[in-house]
Amino acid sequence: MKHRKISANVTVIHLAKASVLYSYDTPVAAYIPSAVNEGATAGYVRTSKKHSTTTTGHINKWIEDTCDRQSPPDALEITQDDIEHIAQGGAWQEKFLWSPLGGVIRIIPRPAQR
């Protein structure tokens, strides 16, 4: 795990399966290379939870600065719980699946059978 401080209140932590953006001490966005497709998200996800204007600015700037496309993509909005799942090293594939028609299908795991 590598930490990279971008500014006073912005840090990126590079995990094995994702890079996670923290604004202050809260994970708010991520880049998941395995989720890259030809769609608009380009592997970027962001929290759907509304934080401060400053945090929104942190997310937008990070995507703009790190995206290799000429115009930055819209990041897919996912729940804060899902961002935290990714930040804790959870696999993207365990919770989501790219639809062949575009977009994301959420996978809800079945409870373990007894």
N, C-alpha and C. Protein backbone atom coordinates (compact mmCIF):
# COMPACT_ATOMS: atom_id res chain seq x y z
N MET A 1 0.85 -1.16 0.00
CA MET A 1 0.00 0.00 0.00
C MET A 1 0.91 1.24 0.00
N LYS A 2 0.66 2.14 -0.94
CA LYS A 2 1.42 3.38 -1.03
C LYS A 2 0.50 4.56 -0.75
N HIS A 3 0.98 5.50 0.04
CA HIS A 3 0.23 6.73 0.32
C HIS A 3 0.87 7.87 -0.46
N ARG A 4 0.03 8.71 -1.04
CA ARG A 4 0.54 9.90 -1.72
C ARG A 4 -0.31 11.09 -1.30
N LYS A 5 0.31 12.00 -0.59
CA LYS A 5 -0.40 13.21 -0.16
C LYS A 5 -0.42 14.19 -1.33
N ILE A 6 -1.62 14.60 -1.75
CA ILE A 6 -1.77 15.52 -2.88
C ILE A 6 -1.78 16.95 -2.39
N SER A 7 -2.46 17.19 -1.29
CA SER A 7 -2.50 18.52 -0.68
C SER A 7 -2.76 18.32 0.81
N ALA A 8 -2.97 19.42 1.51
CA ALA A 8 -3.12 19.35 2.96
C ALA A 8 -4.21 18.37 3.41
N ASN A 9 -5.31 18.29 2.69
CA ASN A 9 -6.42 17.44 3.12
C ASN A 9 -6.80 16.37 2.12
N VAL A 10 -5.92 16.08 1.16
CA VAL A 10 -6.22 15.11 0.11
C VAL A 10 -5.09 14.09 0.02
N THR A 11 -5.46 12.82 0.09
CA THR A 11 -4.49 11.72 0.01
C THR A 11 -5.02 10.65 -0.91
N VAL A 12 -4.13 10.03 -1.66
CA VAL A 12 -4.48 8.86 -2.46
C VAL A 12 -3.73 7.67 -1.90
N ILE A 13 -4.44 6.59 -1.68
CA ILE A 13 -3.82 5.35 -1.21
C ILE A 13 -3.95 4.35 -2.34
N HIS A 14 -2.81 3.81 -2.77
CA HIS A 14 -2.78 2.83 -3.85
C HIS A 14 -2.79 1.43 -3.24
N LEU A 15 -3.87 0.71 -3.48
CA LEU A 15 -4.03 -0.67 -3.02
C LEU A 15 -3.74 -1.62 -4.18
N ALA A 16 -3.80 -2.90 -3.93
CA ALA A 16 -3.54 -3.88 -4.98
C ALA A 16 -4.55 -3.78 -6.13
N LYS A 17 -5.82 -3.51 -5.82
CA LYS A 17 -6.86 -3.52 -6.85
C LYS A 17 -7.46 -2.16 -7.16
N ALA A 18 -7.04 -1.11 -6.44
CA ALA A 18 -7.65 0.21 -6.65
C ALA A 18 -6.77 1.30 -6.07
N SER A 19 -6.99 2.51 -6.55
CA SER A 19 -6.43 3.71 -5.93
C SER A 19 -7.61 4.45 -5.33
N VAL A 20 -7.50 4.80 -4.05
CA VAL A 20 -8.62 5.40 -3.34
C VAL A 20 -8.27 6.83 -2.93
N LEU A 21 -9.16 7.76 -3.26
CA LEU A 21 -9.00 9.15 -2.89
C LEU A 21 -9.67 9.41 -1.55
N TYR A 22 -8.90 10.02 -0.65
CA TYR A 22 -9.43 10.43 0.65
C TYR A 22 -9.47 11.95 0.69
N SER A 23 -10.60 12.49 1.08
CA SER A 23 -10.73 13.91 1.34
C SER A 23 -10.86 14.02 2.85
N TYR A 24 -9.93 14.73 3.46
CA TYR A 24 -9.78 14.74 4.91
C TYR A 24 -9.50 13.29 5.31
N ASP A 25 -10.29 12.63 6.10
CA ASP A 25 -10.02 11.24 6.47
C ASP A 25 -11.06 10.28 5.90
N THR A 26 -11.81 10.73 4.90
CA THR A 26 -12.91 9.94 4.37
C THR A 26 -12.64 9.49 2.94
N PRO A 27 -12.77 8.17 2.66
CA PRO A 27 -12.64 7.73 1.28
C PRO A 27 -13.85 8.21 0.48
N VAL A 28 -13.59 8.87 -0.66
CA VAL A 28 -14.71 9.48 -1.40
C VAL A 28 -14.75 9.09 -2.87
N ALA A 29 -13.67 8.51 -3.39
CA ALA A 29 -13.63 8.13 -4.81
C ALA A 29 -12.55 7.08 -4.99
N ALA A 30 -12.61 6.40 -6.14
CA ALA A 30 -11.60 5.38 -6.43
C ALA A 30 -11.43 5.21 -7.92
N TYR A 31 -10.26 4.73 -8.28
CA TYR A 31 -9.99 4.31 -9.66
C TYR A 31 -9.70 2.82 -9.59
N ILE A 32 -10.48 2.04 -10.34
CA ILE A 32 -10.35 0.58 -10.35
C ILE A 32 -9.97 0.15 -11.75
N PRO A 33 -8.69 -0.16 -11.98
CA PRO A 33 -8.25 -0.53 -13.34
C PRO A 33 -9.04 -1.68 -13.95
N SER A 34 -9.44 -2.65 -13.15
CA SER A 34 -10.18 -3.80 -13.70
C SER A 34 -11.59 -3.42 -14.14
N ALA A 35 -12.05 -2.22 -13.77
CA ALA A 35 -13.40 -1.78 -14.14
C ALA A 35 -13.41 -0.90 -15.37
N VAL A 36 -12.25 -0.69 -15.97
CA VAL A 36 -12.19 0.16 -17.15
C VAL A 36 -12.88 -0.54 -18.31
N ASN A 37 -13.74 0.18 -18.99
CA ASN A 37 -14.37 -0.32 -20.20
C ASN A 37 -14.46 0.83 -21.19
N GLU A 38 -15.17 0.66 -22.22
CA GLU A 38 -15.29 1.72 -23.21
C GLU A 38 -16.36 2.75 -22.85
N GLY A 39 -17.00 2.56 -21.73
CA GLY A 39 -18.07 3.48 -21.31
C GLY A 39 -17.53 4.77 -20.74
N ALA A 40 -18.41 5.53 -20.17
CA ALA A 40 -18.06 6.87 -19.71
C ALA A 40 -17.25 6.88 -18.42
N THR A 41 -17.33 5.83 -17.62
CA THR A 41 -16.72 5.90 -16.29
C THR A 41 -15.21 5.71 -16.30
N ALA A 42 -14.66 5.01 -17.25
CA ALA A 42 -13.21 4.80 -17.37
C ALA A 42 -12.60 4.25 -16.09
N GLY A 43 -13.38 3.55 -15.29
CA GLY A 43 -12.86 2.94 -14.07
C GLY A 43 -12.95 3.81 -12.83
N TYR A 44 -13.49 5.01 -12.95
CA TYR A 44 -13.62 5.91 -11.79
C TYR A 44 -14.99 5.75 -11.15
N VAL A 45 -14.99 5.70 -9.81
CA VAL A 45 -16.24 5.69 -9.05
C VAL A 45 -16.12 6.77 -7.99
N ARG A 46 -17.26 7.31 -7.60
CA ARG A 46 -17.28 8.34 -6.56
C ARG A 46 -18.49 8.10 -5.66
N THR A 47 -18.40 8.59 -4.45
CA THR A 47 -19.50 8.42 -3.51
C THR A 47 -20.73 9.21 -3.96
N SER A 48 -21.88 8.64 -3.71
CA SER A 48 -23.13 9.34 -3.99
C SER A 48 -23.52 10.23 -2.81
N LYS A 49 -22.84 10.03 -1.67
CA LYS A 49 -23.12 10.84 -0.49
C LYS A 49 -22.63 12.26 -0.73
N LYS A 50 -23.44 13.23 -0.39
CA LYS A 50 -23.08 14.63 -0.57
C LYS A 50 -22.23 15.09 0.61
N HIS A 51 -21.00 15.43 0.33
CA HIS A 51 -20.09 15.99 1.33
C HIS A 51 -20.00 17.48 1.07
N SER A 52 -18.96 18.12 1.52
CA SER A 52 -18.82 19.57 1.34
C SER A 52 -18.46 19.92 -0.11
N THR A 53 -18.61 21.18 -0.43
CA THR A 53 -18.22 21.70 -1.74
C THR A 53 -16.72 21.46 -1.96
N THR A 54 -15.94 21.60 -0.90
CA THR A 54 -14.50 21.37 -0.99
C THR A 54 -14.20 19.92 -1.37
N THR A 55 -14.88 18.97 -0.74
CA THR A 55 -14.67 17.56 -1.06
C THR A 55 -15.08 17.27 -2.50
N THR A 56 -16.19 17.81 -2.94
CA THR A 56 -16.60 17.64 -4.34
C THR A 56 -15.51 18.16 -5.27
N GLY A 57 -14.92 19.30 -4.92
CA GLY A 57 -13.82 19.85 -5.71
C GLY A 57 -12.61 18.94 -5.71
N HIS A 58 -12.31 18.32 -4.56
CA HIS A 58 -11.19 17.37 -4.49
C HIS A 58 -11.41 16.20 -5.46
N ILE A 59 -12.63 15.66 -5.47
CA ILE A 59 -12.95 14.53 -6.35
C ILE A 59 -12.80 14.94 -7.81
N ASN A 60 -13.43 16.04 -8.18
CA ASN A 60 -13.40 16.48 -9.58
C ASN A 60 -11.98 16.75 -10.06
N LYS A 61 -11.18 17.41 -9.23
CA LYS A 61 -9.80 17.73 -9.61
C LYS A 61 -8.97 16.46 -9.77
N TRP A 62 -9.13 15.51 -8.86
CA TRP A 62 -8.36 14.26 -8.93
C TRP A 62 -8.68 13.50 -10.21
N ILE A 63 -9.95 13.39 -10.53
CA ILE A 63 -10.33 12.68 -11.76
C ILE A 63 -9.76 13.41 -12.97
N GLU A 64 -9.92 14.72 -12.99
CA GLU A 64 -9.41 15.51 -14.12
C GLU A 64 -7.89 15.37 -14.26
N ASP A 65 -7.18 15.40 -13.14
CA ASP A 65 -5.72 15.35 -13.17
C ASP A 65 -5.16 13.97 -13.49
N THR A 66 -5.89 12.92 -13.15
CA THR A 66 -5.35 11.56 -13.33
C THR A 66 -5.88 10.83 -14.55
N CYS A 67 -6.96 11.31 -15.12
CA CYS A 67 -7.55 10.64 -16.28
C CYS A 67 -6.69 10.90 -17.51
N ASP A 68 -6.48 9.84 -18.30
CA ASP A 68 -5.66 10.00 -19.50
C ASP A 68 -6.49 10.34 -20.73
N ARG A 69 -7.76 10.62 -20.55
CA ARG A 69 -8.61 11.01 -21.68
C ARG A 69 -8.58 12.52 -21.87
N GLN A 70 -8.88 12.95 -23.06
CA GLN A 70 -8.86 14.39 -23.35
C GLN A 70 -9.90 15.13 -22.51
N SER A 71 -11.10 14.57 -22.40
CA SER A 71 -12.09 15.18 -21.51
C SER A 71 -12.41 14.17 -20.42
N PRO A 72 -12.28 14.56 -19.15
CA PRO A 72 -12.49 13.63 -18.05
C PRO A 72 -13.89 13.02 -18.07
N PRO A 73 -13.99 11.76 -17.71
CA PRO A 73 -15.29 11.09 -17.71
C PRO A 73 -16.10 11.44 -16.48
N ASP A 74 -17.38 11.14 -16.54
CA ASP A 74 -18.21 11.20 -15.35
C ASP A 74 -17.92 9.91 -14.58
N ALA A 75 -17.67 10.05 -13.31
CA ALA A 75 -17.44 8.86 -12.49
C ALA A 75 -18.79 8.26 -12.11
N LEU A 76 -18.83 6.95 -12.04
CA LEU A 76 -20.02 6.25 -11.61
C LEU A 76 -20.26 6.52 -10.13
N GLU A 77 -21.45 6.94 -9.76
CA GLU A 77 -21.77 7.17 -8.36
C GLU A 77 -22.18 5.87 -7.70
N ILE A 78 -21.52 5.55 -6.59
CA ILE A 78 -21.87 4.38 -5.80
C ILE A 78 -22.02 4.82 -4.35
N THR A 79 -22.55 3.97 -3.51
CA THR A 79 -22.82 4.37 -2.13
C THR A 79 -21.52 4.57 -1.35
N GLN A 80 -21.62 5.32 -0.26
CA GLN A 80 -20.46 5.53 0.62
C GLN A 80 -19.99 4.18 1.18
N ASP A 81 -20.93 3.30 1.51
CA ASP A 81 -20.56 1.97 2.00
C ASP A 81 -19.72 1.21 0.97
N ASP A 82 -20.07 1.34 -0.30
CA ASP A 82 -19.32 0.65 -1.34
C ASP A 82 -17.92 1.26 -1.53
N ILE A 83 -17.81 2.58 -1.41
CA ILE A 83 -16.49 3.22 -1.47
C ILE A 83 -15.64 2.71 -0.30
N GLU A 84 -16.24 2.62 0.87
CA GLU A 84 -15.49 2.13 2.04
C GLU A 84 -15.10 0.67 1.87
N HIS A 85 -15.94 -0.13 1.24
CA HIS A 85 -15.63 -1.53 0.93
C HIS A 85 -14.38 -1.60 0.06
N ILE A 86 -14.32 -0.77 -0.97
CA ILE A 86 -13.17 -0.73 -1.87
C ILE A 86 -11.93 -0.25 -1.10
N ALA A 87 -12.10 0.77 -0.26
CA ALA A 87 -10.99 1.34 0.50
C ALA A 87 -10.39 0.33 1.48
N GLN A 88 -11.21 -0.61 1.93
CA GLN A 88 -10.73 -1.64 2.85
C GLN A 88 -10.14 -2.83 2.10
N GLY A 89 -9.96 -2.69 0.80
CA GLY A 89 -9.35 -3.76 0.02
C GLY A 89 -10.34 -4.73 -0.58
N GLY A 90 -11.64 -4.44 -0.45
CA GLY A 90 -12.66 -5.30 -1.02
C GLY A 90 -12.60 -5.29 -2.53
N ALA A 91 -12.87 -6.43 -3.11
CA ALA A 91 -12.79 -6.55 -4.57
C ALA A 91 -14.01 -5.93 -5.23
N TRP A 92 -13.77 -5.16 -6.25
CA TRP A 92 -14.83 -4.57 -7.05
C TRP A 92 -15.70 -5.66 -7.65
N GLN A 93 -15.11 -6.71 -8.17
CA GLN A 93 -15.85 -7.77 -8.84
C GLN A 93 -16.80 -8.50 -7.90
N GLU A 94 -16.52 -8.48 -6.62
CA GLU A 94 -17.39 -9.17 -5.67
C GLU A 94 -18.74 -8.48 -5.52
N LYS A 95 -18.79 -7.20 -5.79
CA LYS A 95 -20.02 -6.45 -5.55
C LYS A 95 -20.69 -5.96 -6.82
N PHE A 96 -19.93 -5.85 -7.91
CA PHE A 96 -20.48 -5.28 -9.13
C PHE A 96 -20.05 -6.07 -10.35
N LEU A 97 -20.77 -5.94 -11.42
CA LEU A 97 -20.45 -6.59 -12.68
C LEU A 97 -20.82 -5.64 -13.80
N TRP A 98 -19.91 -5.47 -14.77
CA TRP A 98 -20.22 -4.61 -15.91
C TRP A 98 -21.23 -5.31 -16.80
N SER A 99 -22.25 -4.62 -17.18
CA SER A 99 -23.26 -5.15 -18.08
C SER A 99 -22.75 -5.04 -19.51
N PRO A 100 -22.98 -6.08 -20.34
CA PRO A 100 -22.56 -5.98 -21.74
C PRO A 100 -23.31 -4.87 -22.49
N LEU A 101 -24.41 -4.41 -21.95
CA LEU A 101 -25.18 -3.34 -22.57
C LEU A 101 -24.74 -1.97 -22.07
N GLY A 102 -23.75 -1.95 -21.19
CA GLY A 102 -23.29 -0.69 -20.60
C GLY A 102 -23.85 -0.53 -19.21
N GLY A 103 -23.11 0.13 -18.37
CA GLY A 103 -23.56 0.34 -17.00
C GLY A 103 -23.13 -0.79 -16.10
N VAL A 104 -23.63 -0.76 -14.90
CA VAL A 104 -23.21 -1.70 -13.87
C VAL A 104 -24.43 -2.40 -13.29
N ILE A 105 -24.27 -3.69 -13.04
CA ILE A 105 -25.31 -4.47 -12.36
C ILE A 105 -24.77 -4.75 -10.96
N ARG A 106 -25.54 -4.46 -9.96
CA ARG A 106 -25.10 -4.74 -8.59
C ARG A 106 -25.39 -6.19 -8.26
N ILE A 107 -24.40 -6.87 -7.71
CA ILE A 107 -24.54 -8.27 -7.31
C ILE A 107 -24.78 -8.32 -5.81
N ILE A 108 -25.87 -8.93 -5.41
CA ILE A 108 -26.15 -9.09 -3.99
C ILE A 108 -25.87 -10.56 -3.65
N PRO A 109 -24.83 -10.79 -2.84
CA PRO A 109 -24.46 -12.18 -2.52
C PRO A 109 -25.58 -12.89 -1.77
N ARG A 110 -25.70 -14.18 -2.04
CA ARG A 110 -26.69 -15.00 -1.32
C ARG A 110 -26.13 -15.34 0.05
N PRO A 111 -27.00 -15.43 1.05
CA PRO A 111 -26.52 -15.83 2.38
C PRO A 111 -25.97 -17.26 2.32
N ALA A 112 -25.00 -17.53 3.16
CA ALA A 112 -24.43 -18.89 3.22
C ALA A 112 -25.51 -19.88 3.65
N GLN A 113 -25.51 -21.03 3.00
CA GLN A 113 -26.49 -22.06 3.36
C GLN A 113 -25.98 -22.82 4.56
N ARG A 114 -26.93 -23.23 5.38
CA ARG A 114 -26.57 -23.98 6.59
C ARG A 114 -26.87 -25.43 6.44
